[in-house]
Amino acid sequence: KNELDYSKHGGAVLFGLKAPVIKTH
């Protein structure tokens, strides 16, 4: 279960913006 849990890597990054913008589930 832990191996399949990708939330341990953090959220989704909207990459290409002037600052980190992160979305979690």
PDB file of all heavy atoms in Angstrom:
ATOM      1  N   LYS A   1       0.828  -1.204   0.000  1.00  0.00           N
ATOM      2  CA  LYS A   1       0.000   0.000   0.000  1.00  0.00           C
ATOM      3  C   LYS A   1       0.863   1.255   0.000  1.00  0.00           C
ATOM      4  O   LYS A   1       0.603   2.208  -0.744  1.00  0.00           O
ATOM      5  CB  LYS A   1      -0.917  -0.005   1.228  1.00  0.00           C
ATOM      6  CG  LYS A   1      -1.878   1.179   1.280  1.00  0.00           C
ATOM      7  CD  LYS A   1      -2.777   1.106   2.507  1.00  0.00           C
ATOM      8  CE  LYS A   1      -3.718   2.301   2.551  1.00  0.00           C
ATOM      9  NZ  LYS A   1      -4.585   2.262   3.760  1.00  0.00           N
ATOM     10  N   ASN A   2       1.906   1.257   0.819  1.00  0.00           N
ATOM     11  CA  ASN A   2       2.796   2.418   0.887  1.00  0.00           C
ATOM     12  C   ASN A   2       3.543   2.632  -0.424  1.00  0.00           C
ATOM     13  O   ASN A   2       3.802   3.766  -0.837  1.00  0.00           O
ATOM     14  CB  ASN A   2       3.807   2.245   2.031  1.00  0.00           C
ATOM     15  CG  ASN A   2       3.154   2.351   3.397  1.00  0.00           C
ATOM     16  OD1 ASN A   2       2.084   2.941   3.538  1.00  0.00           O
ATOM     17  ND2 ASN A   2       3.787   1.763   4.409  1.00  0.00           N
ATOM     18  N   GLU A   3       3.893   1.534  -1.069  1.00  0.00           N
ATOM     19  CA  GLU A   3       4.644   1.630  -2.329  1.00  0.00           C
ATOM     20  C   GLU A   3       3.804   2.268  -3.430  1.00  0.00           C
ATOM     21  O   GLU A   3       4.323   2.965  -4.302  1.00  0.00           O
ATOM     22  CB  GLU A   3       5.107   0.236  -2.755  1.00  0.00           C
ATOM     23  CG  GLU A   3       6.289   0.256  -3.700  1.00  0.00           C
ATOM     24  CD  GLU A   3       6.962  -1.106  -3.810  1.00  0.00           C
ATOM     25  OE1 GLU A   3       7.197  -1.741  -2.775  1.00  0.00           O
ATOM     26  OE2 GLU A   3       7.243  -1.505  -4.941  1.00  0.00           O
ATOM     27  N   LEU A   4       2.498   2.013  -3.404  1.00  0.00           N
ATOM     28  CA  LEU A   4       1.601   2.567  -4.417  1.00  0.00           C
ATOM     29  C   LEU A   4       1.122   3.975  -4.080  1.00  0.00           C
ATOM     30  O   LEU A   4       0.453   4.610  -4.888  1.00  0.00           O
ATOM     31  CB  LEU A   4       0.386   1.641  -4.595  1.00  0.00           C
ATOM     32  CG  LEU A   4       0.668   0.283  -5.236  1.00  0.00           C
ATOM     33  CD1 LEU A   4      -0.561  -0.612  -5.141  1.00  0.00           C
ATOM     34  CD2 LEU A   4       1.099   0.455  -6.690  1.00  0.00           C
ATOM     35  N   ASP A   5       1.458   4.455  -2.892  1.00  0.00           N
ATOM     36  CA  ASP A   5       0.997   5.767  -2.447  1.00  0.00           C
ATOM     37  C   ASP A   5       1.957   6.845  -2.937  1.00  0.00           C
ATOM     38  O   ASP A   5       3.033   7.022  -2.382  1.00  0.00           O
ATOM     39  CB  ASP A   5       0.900   5.786  -0.922  1.00  0.00           C
ATOM     40  CG  ASP A   5       0.426   7.127  -0.390  1.00  0.00           C
ATOM     41  OD1 ASP A   5      -0.104   7.932  -1.180  1.00  0.00           O
ATOM     42  OD2 ASP A   5       0.590   7.367   0.823  1.00  0.00           O
ATOM     43  N   TYR A   6       1.556   7.583  -3.974  1.00  0.00           N
ATOM     44  CA  TYR A   6       2.463   8.598  -4.522  1.00  0.00           C
ATOM     45  C   TYR A   6       2.422   9.911  -3.749  1.00  0.00           C
ATOM     46  O   TYR A   6       3.214  10.823  -4.016  1.00  0.00           O
ATOM     47  CB  TYR A   6       2.193   8.842  -6.014  1.00  0.00           C
ATOM     48  CG  TYR A   6       0.847   9.420  -6.364  1.00  0.00           C
ATOM     49  CD1 TYR A   6       0.643  10.789  -6.388  1.00  0.00           C
ATOM     50  CD2 TYR A   6      -0.224   8.599  -6.692  1.00  0.00           C
ATOM     51  CE1 TYR A   6      -0.593  11.329  -6.723  1.00  0.00           C
ATOM     52  CE2 TYR A   6      -1.456   9.126  -7.031  1.00  0.00           C
ATOM     53  CZ  TYR A   6      -1.635  10.494  -7.042  1.00  0.00           C
ATOM     54  OH  TYR A   6      -2.857  11.019  -7.370  1.00  0.00           O
ATOM     55  N   SER A   7       1.511  10.040  -2.765  1.00  0.00           N
ATOM     56  CA  SER A   7       1.438  11.274  -1.982  1.00  0.00           C
ATOM     57  C   SER A   7       2.699  11.468  -1.130  1.00  0.00           C
ATOM     58  O   SER A   7       2.998  12.586  -0.707  1.00  0.00           O
ATOM     59  CB  SER A   7       0.202  11.273  -1.080  1.00  0.00           C
ATOM     60  OG  SER A   7       0.320  10.322  -0.042  1.00  0.00           O
ATOM     61  N   LYS A   8       3.464  10.392  -0.911  1.00  0.00           N
ATOM     62  CA  LYS A   8       4.692  10.515  -0.118  1.00  0.00           C
ATOM     63  C   LYS A   8       5.733  11.381  -0.833  1.00  0.00           C
ATOM     64  O   LYS A   8       6.667  11.874  -0.213  1.00  0.00           O
ATOM     65  CB  LYS A   8       5.281   9.134   0.181  1.00  0.00           C
ATOM     66  CG  LYS A   8       5.746   8.376  -1.053  1.00  0.00           C
ATOM     67  CD  LYS A   8       6.178   6.962  -0.730  1.00  0.00           C
ATOM     68  CE  LYS A   8       6.576   6.209  -1.992  1.00  0.00           C
ATOM     69  NZ  LYS A   8       6.914   4.805  -1.723  1.00  0.00           N
ATOM     70  N   HIS A   9       5.550  11.543  -2.163  1.00  0.00           N
ATOM     71  CA  HIS A   9       6.461  12.399  -2.927  1.00  0.00           C
ATOM     72  C   HIS A   9       6.008  13.856  -2.908  1.00  0.00           C
ATOM     73  O   HIS A   9       6.699  14.726  -3.428  1.00  0.00           O
ATOM     74  CB  HIS A   9       6.544  11.928  -4.380  1.00  0.00           C
ATOM     75  CG  HIS A   9       7.162  10.573  -4.541  1.00  0.00           C
ATOM     76  ND1 HIS A   9       8.488  10.322  -4.282  1.00  0.00           N
ATOM     77  CD2 HIS A   9       6.634   9.383  -4.934  1.00  0.00           C
ATOM     78  CE1 HIS A   9       8.758   9.044  -4.506  1.00  0.00           C
ATOM     79  NE2 HIS A   9       7.642   8.452  -4.906  1.00  0.00           N
ATOM     80  N   GLY A  10       4.839  14.123  -2.326  1.00  0.00           N
ATOM     81  CA  GLY A  10       4.318  15.484  -2.289  1.00  0.00           C
ATOM     82  C   GLY A  10       3.146  15.658  -3.222  1.00  0.00           C
ATOM     83  O   GLY A  10       2.516  14.687  -3.649  1.00  0.00           O
ATOM     84  N   GLY A  11       2.837  16.907  -3.551  1.00  0.00           N
ATOM     85  CA  GLY A  11       1.689  17.204  -4.406  1.00  0.00           C
ATOM     86  C   GLY A  11       2.085  17.367  -5.866  1.00  0.00           C
ATOM     87  O   GLY A  11       3.225  17.118  -6.254  1.00  0.00           O
ATOM     88  N   ALA A  12       1.107  17.795  -6.650  1.00  0.00           N
ATOM     89  CA  ALA A  12       1.350  18.074  -8.068  1.00  0.00           C
ATOM     90  C   ALA A  12       1.793  19.530  -8.212  1.00  0.00           C
ATOM     91  O   ALA A  12       1.188  20.428  -7.621  1.00  0.00           O
ATOM     92  CB  ALA A  12       0.081  17.824  -8.875  1.00  0.00           C
ATOM     93  N   VAL A  13       2.838  19.744  -8.985  1.00  0.00           N
ATOM     94  CA  VAL A  13       3.407  21.079  -9.173  1.00  0.00           C
ATOM     95  C   VAL A  13       2.907  21.672 -10.480  1.00  0.00           C
ATOM     96  O   VAL A  13       2.987  21.016 -11.524  1.00  0.00           O
ATOM     97  CB  VAL A  13       4.950  21.014  -9.226  1.00  0.00           C
ATOM     98  CG1 VAL A  13       5.548  22.411  -9.326  1.00  0.00           C
ATOM     99  CG2 VAL A  13       5.504  20.273  -8.021  1.00  0.00           C
ATOM    100  N   LEU A  14       2.372  22.906 -10.434  1.00  0.00           N
ATOM    101  CA  LEU A  14       2.102  23.623 -11.681  1.00  0.00           C
ATOM    102  C   LEU A  14       3.411  24.274 -12.070  1.00  0.00           C
ATOM    103  O   LEU A  14       3.774  25.348 -11.580  1.00  0.00           O
ATOM    104  CB  LEU A  14       0.989  24.661 -11.500  1.00  0.00           C
ATOM    105  CG  LEU A  14       0.583  25.390 -12.789  1.00  0.00           C
ATOM    106  CD1 LEU A  14       0.143  24.407 -13.870  1.00  0.00           C
ATOM    107  CD2 LEU A  14      -0.523  26.397 -12.531  1.00  0.00           C
ATOM    108  N   PHE A  15       4.155  23.568 -12.927  1.00  0.00           N
ATOM    109  CA  PHE A  15       5.538  23.939 -13.220  1.00  0.00           C
ATOM    110  C   PHE A  15       5.594  24.838 -14.440  1.00  0.00           C
ATOM    111  O   PHE A  15       4.956  24.566 -15.465  1.00  0.00           O
ATOM    112  CB  PHE A  15       6.350  22.665 -13.447  1.00  0.00           C
ATOM    113  CG  PHE A  15       7.730  22.716 -12.871  1.00  0.00           C
ATOM    114  CD1 PHE A  15       8.010  23.418 -11.718  1.00  0.00           C
ATOM    115  CD2 PHE A  15       8.767  22.046 -13.486  1.00  0.00           C
ATOM    116  CE1 PHE A  15       9.295  23.458 -11.188  1.00  0.00           C
ATOM    117  CE2 PHE A  15      10.057  22.058 -12.967  1.00  0.00           C
ATOM    118  CZ  PHE A  15      10.315  22.773 -11.814  1.00  0.00           C
ATOM    119  N   GLY A  16       6.395  25.886 -14.327  1.00  0.00           N
ATOM    120  CA  GLY A  16       6.511  26.867 -15.401  1.00  0.00           C
ATOM    121  C   GLY A  16       6.046  28.233 -14.949  1.00  0.00           C
ATOM    122  O   GLY A  16       6.000  29.186 -15.731  1.00  0.00           O
ATOM    123  N   LEU A  17       5.719  28.348 -13.657  1.00  0.00           N
ATOM    124  CA  LEU A  17       5.303  29.625 -13.076  1.00  0.00           C
ATOM    125  C   LEU A  17       6.461  30.258 -12.321  1.00  0.00           C
ATOM    126  O   LEU A  17       7.474  29.615 -12.053  1.00  0.00           O
ATOM    127  CB  LEU A  17       4.112  29.421 -12.139  1.00  0.00           C
ATOM    128  CG  LEU A  17       2.854  28.820 -12.775  1.00  0.00           C
ATOM    129  CD1 LEU A  17       1.757  28.683 -11.735  1.00  0.00           C
ATOM    130  CD2 LEU A  17       2.367  29.680 -13.937  1.00  0.00           C
ATOM    131  N   LYS A  18       6.288  31.524 -11.916  1.00  0.00           N
ATOM    132  CA  LYS A  18       7.368  32.281 -11.290  1.00  0.00           C
ATOM    133  C   LYS A  18       7.623  31.889  -9.837  1.00  0.00           C
ATOM    134  O   LYS A  18       8.566  32.406  -9.223  1.00  0.00           O
ATOM    135  CB  LYS A  18       7.067  33.776 -11.385  1.00  0.00           C
ATOM    136  CG  LYS A  18       7.077  34.308 -12.821  1.00  0.00           C
ATOM    137  CD  LYS A  18       6.739  35.780 -12.858  1.00  0.00           C
ATOM    138  CE  LYS A  18       6.762  36.308 -14.291  1.00  0.00           C
ATOM    139  NZ  LYS A  18       6.385  37.747 -14.354  1.00  0.00           N
ATOM    140  N   ALA A  19       6.797  31.022  -9.283  1.00  0.00           N
ATOM    141  CA  ALA A  19       6.972  30.546  -7.906  1.00  0.00           C
ATOM    142  C   ALA A  19       6.325  29.170  -7.796  1.00  0.00           C
ATOM    143  O   ALA A  19       5.468  28.819  -8.619  1.00  0.00           O
ATOM    144  CB  ALA A  19       6.342  31.527  -6.917  1.00  0.00           C
ATOM    145  N   PRO A  20       6.698  28.372  -6.811  1.00  0.00           N
ATOM    146  CA  PRO A  20       6.069  27.064  -6.641  1.00  0.00           C
ATOM    147  C   PRO A  20       4.570  27.184  -6.327  1.00  0.00           C
ATOM    148  O   PRO A  20       4.185  27.865  -5.372  1.00  0.00           O
ATOM    149  CB  PRO A  20       6.829  26.461  -5.451  1.00  0.00           C
ATOM    150  CG  PRO A  20       8.144  27.162  -5.441  1.00  0.00           C
ATOM    151  CD  PRO A  20       7.837  28.560  -5.880  1.00  0.00           C
ATOM    152  N   VAL A  21       3.760  26.537  -7.136  1.00  0.00           N
ATOM    153  CA  VAL A  21       2.314  26.439  -6.909  1.00  0.00           C
ATOM    154  C   VAL A  21       2.011  24.949  -6.854  1.00  0.00           C
ATOM    155  O   VAL A  21       2.176  24.240  -7.844  1.00  0.00           O
ATOM    156  CB  VAL A  21       1.513  27.120  -8.038  1.00  0.00           C
ATOM    157  CG1 VAL A  21       0.016  26.900  -7.843  1.00  0.00           C
ATOM    158  CG2 VAL A  21       1.827  28.612  -8.088  1.00  0.00           C
ATOM    159  N   ILE A  22       1.581  24.459  -5.675  1.00  0.00           N
ATOM    160  CA  ILE A  22       1.464  23.024  -5.443  1.00  0.00           C
ATOM    161  C   ILE A  22       0.030  22.649  -5.114  1.00  0.00           C
ATOM    162  O   ILE A  22      -0.626  23.294  -4.297  1.00  0.00           O
ATOM    163  CB  ILE A  22       2.371  22.563  -4.267  1.00  0.00           C
ATOM    164  CG1 ILE A  22       3.742  23.223  -4.346  1.00  0.00           C
ATOM    165  CG2 ILE A  22       2.473  21.044  -4.244  1.00  0.00           C
ATOM    166  CD1 ILE A  22       4.578  22.845  -5.513  1.00  0.00           C
ATOM    167  N   LYS A  23      -0.449  21.586  -5.750  1.00  0.00           N
ATOM    168  CA  LYS A  23      -1.815  21.087  -5.529  1.00  0.00           C
ATOM    169  C   LYS A  23      -1.759  19.711  -4.882  1.00  0.00           C
ATOM    170  O   LYS A  23      -1.075  18.815  -5.366  1.00  0.00           O
ATOM    171  CB  LYS A  23      -2.553  20.996  -6.876  1.00  0.00           C
ATOM    172  CG  LYS A  23      -3.903  20.287  -6.830  1.00  0.00           C
ATOM    173  CD  LYS A  23      -4.939  21.086  -6.083  1.00  0.00           C
ATOM    174  CE  LYS A  23      -6.324  20.450  -6.194  1.00  0.00           C
ATOM    175  NZ  LYS A  23      -6.468  19.191  -5.442  1.00  0.00           N
ATOM    176  N   THR A  24      -2.474  19.553  -3.764  1.00  0.00           N
ATOM    177  CA  THR A  24      -2.620  18.240  -3.157  1.00  0.00           C
ATOM    178  C   THR A  24      -4.041  17.737  -3.392  1.00  0.00           C
ATOM    179  O   THR A  24      -4.945  18.511  -3.686  1.00  0.00           O
ATOM    180  CB  THR A  24      -2.332  18.279  -1.647  1.00  0.00           C
ATOM    181  OG1 THR A  24      -3.149  19.289  -1.045  1.00  0.00           O
ATOM    182  CG2 THR A  24      -0.891  18.588  -1.368  1.00  0.00           C
ATOM    183  N   HIS A  25      -4.237  16.444  -3.249  1.00  0.00           N
ATOM    184  CA  HIS A  25      -5.539  15.822  -3.496  1.00  0.00           C
ATOM    185  C   HIS A  25      -6.590  16.392  -2.554  1.00  0.00           C
ATOM    186  O   HIS A  25      -6.305  16.691  -1.390  1.00  0.00           O
ATOM    187  CB  HIS A  25      -5.426  14.313  -3.295  1.00  0.00           C
ATOM    188  CG  HIS A  25      -6.479  13.541  -4.009  1.00  0.00           C
ATOM    189  ND1 HIS A  25      -7.780  13.471  -3.555  1.00  0.00           N
ATOM    190  CD2 HIS A  25      -6.450  12.825  -5.162  1.00  0.00           C
ATOM    191  CE1 HIS A  25      -8.496  12.735  -4.376  1.00  0.00           C
ATOM    192  NE2 HIS A  25      -7.714  12.326  -5.367  1.00  0.00           N
TER     193      HIS A  25
END
